[in-house]
């Protein structure tokens, strides 16, 4: 009987840690869709298409904010909105470096983790 209680307790602890597997419908970007979040990166549009374009401060601010959630940033980069806007992934992954965003936990502030 004690073993059953222990197993049940472990089961609930595991469920609470993994968040019930996303039962609330939240995705990579929480309750917002990657396509909706992509609009926050509009200031980065030109810099994501041409490495010679200077990255705006507004773009850097948004990349830094969104880079705190690398899986969301990846989903944004791979979203239909990003693809249809002409973003070039190989250029977009250079934006954190061009913004001088230092992130020791992920390469290129999270962008390169989407592709490698």
N, C-alpha and C. Protein backbone atom coordinates (compact mmCIF):
# COMPACT_ATOMS: atom_id res chain seq x y z
N UNK A 1 0.82 -1.19 0.00
CA UNK A 1 0.00 0.00 0.00
C UNK A 1 0.87 1.26 0.00
N UNK A 2 1.96 1.26 0.79
CA UNK A 2 2.87 2.40 0.81
C UNK A 2 3.54 2.60 -0.55
N UNK A 3 3.84 1.50 -1.22
CA UNK A 3 4.49 1.57 -2.52
C UNK A 3 3.56 2.23 -3.54
N UNK A 4 2.27 1.90 -3.50
CA UNK A 4 1.31 2.51 -4.41
C UNK A 4 1.22 4.01 -4.19
N UNK A 5 1.22 4.44 -2.95
CA UNK A 5 1.17 5.88 -2.64
C UNK A 5 2.44 6.56 -3.16
N UNK A 6 3.57 5.91 -2.94
CA UNK A 6 4.83 6.47 -3.41
C UNK A 6 4.84 6.60 -4.93
N UNK A 7 4.40 5.57 -5.63
CA UNK A 7 4.34 5.62 -7.10
C UNK A 7 3.41 6.71 -7.59
N UNK A 8 2.28 6.86 -6.93
CA UNK A 8 1.32 7.90 -7.29
C UNK A 8 1.93 9.28 -7.06
N UNK A 9 2.63 9.46 -5.95
CA UNK A 9 3.29 10.72 -5.66
C UNK A 9 4.34 11.04 -6.72
N UNK A 10 5.16 10.06 -7.06
CA UNK A 10 6.18 10.26 -8.10
C UNK A 10 5.53 10.63 -9.43
N UNK A 11 4.43 9.97 -9.76
CA UNK A 11 3.71 10.26 -11.00
C UNK A 11 3.25 11.71 -11.04
N UNK A 12 2.68 12.21 -9.95
CA UNK A 12 2.20 13.60 -9.91
C UNK A 12 3.35 14.60 -9.92
N UNK A 13 4.45 14.25 -9.29
CA UNK A 13 5.62 15.14 -9.33
C UNK A 13 6.14 15.25 -10.76
N UNK A 14 6.23 14.13 -11.45
CA UNK A 14 6.68 14.14 -12.85
C UNK A 14 5.73 14.95 -13.72
N UNK A 15 4.44 14.75 -13.52
CA UNK A 15 3.46 15.52 -14.29
C UNK A 15 3.58 17.01 -14.04
N UNK A 16 3.81 17.40 -12.79
CA UNK A 16 3.93 18.82 -12.49
C UNK A 16 5.21 19.41 -13.08
N UNK A 17 6.27 18.62 -13.14
CA UNK A 17 7.53 19.09 -13.72
C UNK A 17 7.40 19.30 -15.21
N UNK A 18 6.74 18.38 -15.91
CA UNK A 18 6.63 18.52 -17.36
C UNK A 18 5.42 19.34 -17.78
N UNK A 19 4.67 19.81 -16.82
CA UNK A 19 3.55 20.68 -17.13
C UNK A 19 2.40 19.98 -17.83
N UNK A 20 2.16 18.73 -17.50
CA UNK A 20 1.07 17.96 -18.08
C UNK A 20 1.16 17.89 -19.60
N UNK A 21 2.37 17.98 -20.13
CA UNK A 21 2.57 17.79 -21.57
C UNK A 21 1.89 18.82 -22.44
N UNK A 22 1.69 20.01 -21.92
CA UNK A 22 1.11 21.07 -22.74
C UNK A 22 -0.39 20.97 -22.87
N UNK A 23 -1.06 20.50 -21.87
CA UNK A 23 -2.50 20.36 -21.91
C UNK A 23 -3.18 21.70 -22.12
N UNK A 24 -2.52 22.78 -21.67
CA UNK A 24 -3.13 24.10 -21.78
C UNK A 24 -3.06 24.66 -23.20
N UNK A 25 -2.48 23.94 -24.11
CA UNK A 25 -2.43 24.37 -25.50
C UNK A 25 -1.26 25.29 -25.81
N UNK A 26 -0.41 25.55 -24.84
CA UNK A 26 0.73 26.43 -25.06
C UNK A 26 1.76 25.74 -25.94
N UNK A 27 2.32 26.49 -26.87
CA UNK A 27 3.34 25.95 -27.75
C UNK A 27 4.70 26.53 -27.43
N UNK A 28 5.57 26.55 -28.44
CA UNK A 28 6.93 27.04 -28.25
C UNK A 28 6.96 28.47 -27.74
N UNK A 29 5.98 29.25 -28.11
CA UNK A 29 5.93 30.67 -27.74
C UNK A 29 4.83 30.94 -26.72
N UNK A 30 4.56 29.98 -25.88
CA UNK A 30 3.51 30.15 -24.88
C UNK A 30 2.15 30.10 -25.53
N UNK A 31 1.30 31.04 -25.20
CA UNK A 31 -0.05 31.05 -25.75
C UNK A 31 -0.14 31.80 -27.07
N UNK A 32 0.97 32.32 -27.54
CA UNK A 32 1.00 33.05 -28.81
C UNK A 32 1.58 32.15 -29.89
N UNK A 33 1.16 32.36 -31.12
CA UNK A 33 1.69 31.54 -32.21
C UNK A 33 3.02 32.12 -32.70
N UNK A 34 3.90 31.28 -33.24
CA UNK A 34 5.15 31.79 -33.80
C UNK A 34 4.91 32.84 -34.90
N UNK A 35 3.86 32.66 -35.69
CA UNK A 35 3.56 33.64 -36.72
C UNK A 35 3.21 35.00 -36.12
N UNK A 36 2.47 35.00 -35.03
CA UNK A 36 2.14 36.26 -34.35
C UNK A 36 3.39 36.87 -33.74
N UNK A 37 4.23 36.06 -33.12
CA UNK A 37 5.46 36.55 -32.51
C UNK A 37 6.43 37.09 -33.57
N UNK A 38 6.36 36.54 -34.78
CA UNK A 38 7.26 36.99 -35.86
C UNK A 38 7.07 38.47 -36.15
N UNK A 39 5.88 38.99 -35.94
CA UNK A 39 5.64 40.41 -36.19
C UNK A 39 6.45 41.31 -35.27
N UNK A 40 6.87 40.78 -34.14
CA UNK A 40 7.73 41.56 -33.23
C UNK A 40 9.11 41.78 -33.83
N UNK A 41 9.45 40.96 -34.82
CA UNK A 41 10.77 41.06 -35.44
C UNK A 41 10.74 41.86 -36.75
N UNK A 42 9.66 42.59 -36.99
CA UNK A 42 9.59 43.42 -38.19
C UNK A 42 10.79 44.37 -38.29
N UNK A 43 11.26 44.95 -37.17
CA UNK A 43 12.43 45.83 -37.28
C UNK A 43 13.69 45.11 -37.80
N UNK A 44 13.65 43.79 -37.83
CA UNK A 44 14.80 43.00 -38.28
C UNK A 44 14.70 42.58 -39.74
N UNK A 45 13.63 42.92 -40.40
CA UNK A 45 13.36 42.39 -41.74
C UNK A 45 14.50 42.64 -42.72
N UNK A 46 14.97 43.85 -42.82
CA UNK A 46 16.04 44.16 -43.77
C UNK A 46 17.34 43.48 -43.38
N UNK A 47 17.65 43.48 -42.09
CA UNK A 47 18.90 42.87 -41.61
C UNK A 47 18.88 41.36 -41.75
N UNK A 48 17.69 40.77 -41.82
CA UNK A 48 17.57 39.31 -41.97
C UNK A 48 17.67 38.88 -43.42
N UNK A 49 17.72 39.84 -44.32
CA UNK A 49 17.82 39.54 -45.74
C UNK A 49 19.18 39.89 -46.33
N UNK A 50 19.90 40.81 -45.65
CA UNK A 50 21.17 41.30 -46.18
C UNK A 50 22.14 41.55 -45.04
N UNK A 51 23.23 40.82 -45.02
CA UNK A 51 24.21 40.92 -43.94
C UNK A 51 24.89 42.30 -43.90
N UNK A 52 24.81 43.05 -44.97
CA UNK A 52 25.44 44.37 -45.02
C UNK A 52 24.57 45.46 -44.40
N UNK A 53 23.30 45.15 -44.15
CA UNK A 53 22.38 46.12 -43.56
C UNK A 53 22.67 46.22 -42.06
N UNK A 54 22.75 47.46 -41.57
CA UNK A 54 22.96 47.68 -40.15
C UNK A 54 21.71 47.24 -39.38
N UNK A 55 21.93 46.51 -38.31
CA UNK A 55 20.82 46.02 -37.48
C UNK A 55 20.36 47.17 -36.58
N UNK A 56 19.06 47.45 -36.60
CA UNK A 56 18.53 48.54 -35.78
C UNK A 56 18.52 48.17 -34.30
N UNK A 57 18.51 49.20 -33.46
CA UNK A 57 18.45 48.95 -32.02
C UNK A 57 17.14 48.27 -31.64
N UNK A 58 16.05 48.62 -32.32
CA UNK A 58 14.75 47.99 -32.05
C UNK A 58 14.81 46.49 -32.36
N UNK A 59 15.48 46.15 -33.44
CA UNK A 59 15.65 44.73 -33.78
C UNK A 59 16.42 44.02 -32.68
N UNK A 60 17.52 44.62 -32.25
CA UNK A 60 18.34 43.99 -31.21
C UNK A 60 17.56 43.79 -29.92
N UNK A 61 16.75 44.77 -29.56
CA UNK A 61 15.93 44.66 -28.35
C UNK A 61 14.98 43.47 -28.46
N UNK A 62 14.31 43.34 -29.60
CA UNK A 62 13.36 42.24 -29.79
C UNK A 62 14.06 40.88 -29.82
N UNK A 63 15.21 40.81 -30.49
CA UNK A 63 15.95 39.54 -30.56
C UNK A 63 16.42 39.14 -29.16
N UNK A 64 16.86 40.12 -28.39
CA UNK A 64 17.30 39.81 -27.03
C UNK A 64 16.14 39.29 -26.19
N UNK A 65 14.96 39.93 -26.30
CA UNK A 65 13.78 39.47 -25.56
C UNK A 65 13.36 38.07 -26.00
N UNK A 66 13.21 37.88 -27.30
CA UNK A 66 12.75 36.59 -27.81
C UNK A 66 13.81 35.51 -27.65
N UNK A 67 15.07 35.91 -27.62
CA UNK A 67 16.16 34.95 -27.46
C UNK A 67 16.20 34.31 -26.09
N UNK A 68 15.43 34.84 -25.15
CA UNK A 68 15.34 34.23 -23.83
C UNK A 68 14.58 32.91 -23.89
N UNK A 69 13.88 32.70 -24.99
CA UNK A 69 13.16 31.44 -25.22
C UNK A 69 13.60 30.90 -26.58
N UNK A 70 14.75 30.20 -26.62
CA UNK A 70 15.29 29.74 -27.91
C UNK A 70 14.33 28.89 -28.74
N UNK A 71 13.47 28.09 -28.09
CA UNK A 71 12.54 27.28 -28.89
C UNK A 71 11.51 28.15 -29.58
N UNK A 72 11.11 29.25 -28.96
CA UNK A 72 10.19 30.19 -29.60
C UNK A 72 10.89 30.89 -30.75
N UNK A 73 12.13 31.30 -30.50
CA UNK A 73 12.89 31.98 -31.55
C UNK A 73 13.06 31.07 -32.77
N UNK A 74 13.32 29.81 -32.53
CA UNK A 74 13.42 28.84 -33.63
C UNK A 74 12.10 28.73 -34.38
N UNK A 75 11.01 28.62 -33.62
CA UNK A 75 9.69 28.50 -34.25
C UNK A 75 9.37 29.73 -35.09
N UNK A 76 9.78 30.89 -34.60
CA UNK A 76 9.56 32.12 -35.37
C UNK A 76 10.36 32.08 -36.67
N UNK A 77 11.61 31.68 -36.56
CA UNK A 77 12.48 31.64 -37.75
C UNK A 77 11.96 30.66 -38.80
N UNK A 78 11.29 29.62 -38.34
CA UNK A 78 10.79 28.59 -39.24
C UNK A 78 9.31 28.80 -39.58
N UNK A 79 8.73 29.91 -39.12
CA UNK A 79 7.30 30.16 -39.33
C UNK A 79 7.00 30.56 -40.77
N UNK A 80 5.75 30.42 -41.13
CA UNK A 80 5.31 30.84 -42.47
C UNK A 80 5.51 32.33 -42.67
N UNK A 81 5.31 33.11 -41.61
CA UNK A 81 5.49 34.55 -41.70
C UNK A 81 6.93 34.90 -42.07
N UNK A 82 7.88 34.27 -41.40
CA UNK A 82 9.29 34.54 -41.69
C UNK A 82 9.64 34.10 -43.12
N UNK A 83 9.17 32.92 -43.48
CA UNK A 83 9.47 32.41 -44.83
C UNK A 83 8.87 33.30 -45.91
N UNK A 84 7.63 33.73 -45.72
CA UNK A 84 6.97 34.53 -46.75
C UNK A 84 7.52 35.95 -46.83
N UNK A 85 8.19 36.41 -45.77
CA UNK A 85 8.75 37.76 -45.78
C UNK A 85 10.11 37.82 -46.46
N UNK A 86 10.62 36.66 -46.84
CA UNK A 86 11.91 36.64 -47.53
C UNK A 86 13.12 36.57 -46.63
N UNK A 87 12.92 36.26 -45.36
CA UNK A 87 14.03 36.13 -44.41
C UNK A 87 14.94 35.00 -44.87
N UNK A 88 16.23 35.26 -44.85
CA UNK A 88 17.23 34.24 -45.20
C UNK A 88 17.82 33.72 -43.90
N UNK A 89 17.55 32.46 -43.60
CA UNK A 89 17.97 31.88 -42.32
C UNK A 89 19.47 32.03 -42.10
N UNK A 90 20.25 31.83 -43.14
CA UNK A 90 21.71 31.91 -42.99
C UNK A 90 22.18 33.32 -42.64
N UNK A 91 21.38 34.32 -42.95
CA UNK A 91 21.70 35.70 -42.58
C UNK A 91 21.07 36.04 -41.23
N UNK A 92 19.85 35.58 -41.03
CA UNK A 92 19.15 35.86 -39.77
C UNK A 92 19.93 35.35 -38.56
N UNK A 93 20.59 34.22 -38.69
CA UNK A 93 21.33 33.68 -37.54
C UNK A 93 22.52 34.54 -37.15
N UNK A 94 22.89 35.51 -37.99
CA UNK A 94 24.00 36.40 -37.66
C UNK A 94 23.54 37.62 -36.85
N UNK A 95 22.24 37.83 -36.76
CA UNK A 95 21.72 39.04 -36.10
C UNK A 95 22.16 39.14 -34.63
N UNK A 96 22.02 38.10 -33.80
CA UNK A 96 22.48 38.25 -32.41
C UNK A 96 23.94 38.68 -32.31
N UNK A 97 24.78 38.12 -33.14
CA UNK A 97 26.19 38.51 -33.14
C UNK A 97 26.35 39.95 -33.59
N UNK A 98 25.60 40.35 -34.60
CA UNK A 98 25.67 41.72 -35.09
C UNK A 98 25.11 42.71 -34.07
N UNK A 99 24.26 42.23 -33.17
CA UNK A 99 23.72 43.05 -32.08
C UNK A 99 24.61 43.01 -30.84
N UNK A 100 25.68 42.25 -30.91
CA UNK A 100 26.57 42.04 -29.76
C UNK A 100 25.82 41.44 -28.57
N UNK A 101 24.93 40.52 -28.87
CA UNK A 101 24.20 39.82 -27.82
C UNK A 101 25.02 38.60 -27.44
N UNK A 102 25.49 38.61 -26.20
CA UNK A 102 26.29 37.48 -25.71
C UNK A 102 25.36 36.54 -24.96
N UNK A 103 25.29 35.33 -25.40
CA UNK A 103 24.47 34.31 -24.74
C UNK A 103 25.32 33.07 -24.63
N UNK A 104 25.67 32.74 -23.42
CA UNK A 104 26.59 31.61 -23.22
C UNK A 104 25.89 30.26 -23.23
N UNK A 105 24.55 30.27 -23.24
CA UNK A 105 23.86 28.99 -23.18
C UNK A 105 23.55 28.43 -24.56
N UNK A 106 23.46 29.29 -25.58
CA UNK A 106 23.14 28.81 -26.92
C UNK A 106 24.02 29.53 -27.93
N UNK A 107 24.28 28.88 -29.02
CA UNK A 107 25.05 29.50 -30.10
C UNK A 107 24.21 30.58 -30.77
N UNK A 108 24.85 31.71 -31.08
CA UNK A 108 24.18 32.81 -31.78
C UNK A 108 22.86 33.22 -31.15
N UNK A 109 22.79 33.21 -29.86
CA UNK A 109 21.58 33.66 -29.17
C UNK A 109 20.38 32.78 -29.44
N UNK A 110 20.59 31.56 -29.89
CA UNK A 110 19.50 30.63 -30.09
C UNK A 110 19.17 30.34 -31.53
N UNK A 111 19.51 31.25 -32.45
CA UNK A 111 19.16 31.05 -33.85
C UNK A 111 19.79 29.80 -34.44
N UNK A 112 21.09 29.60 -34.25
CA UNK A 112 21.74 28.48 -34.92
C UNK A 112 21.27 27.13 -34.40
N UNK A 113 20.72 27.10 -33.18
CA UNK A 113 20.19 25.84 -32.66
C UNK A 113 19.01 25.35 -33.47
N UNK A 114 18.40 26.23 -34.25
CA UNK A 114 17.25 25.86 -35.08
C UNK A 114 17.68 25.05 -36.29
N UNK A 115 18.91 25.21 -36.70
CA UNK A 115 19.34 24.67 -37.97
C UNK A 115 20.45 23.63 -37.85
N UNK A 116 21.12 23.56 -36.70
CA UNK A 116 22.25 22.64 -36.57
C UNK A 116 22.01 21.62 -35.48
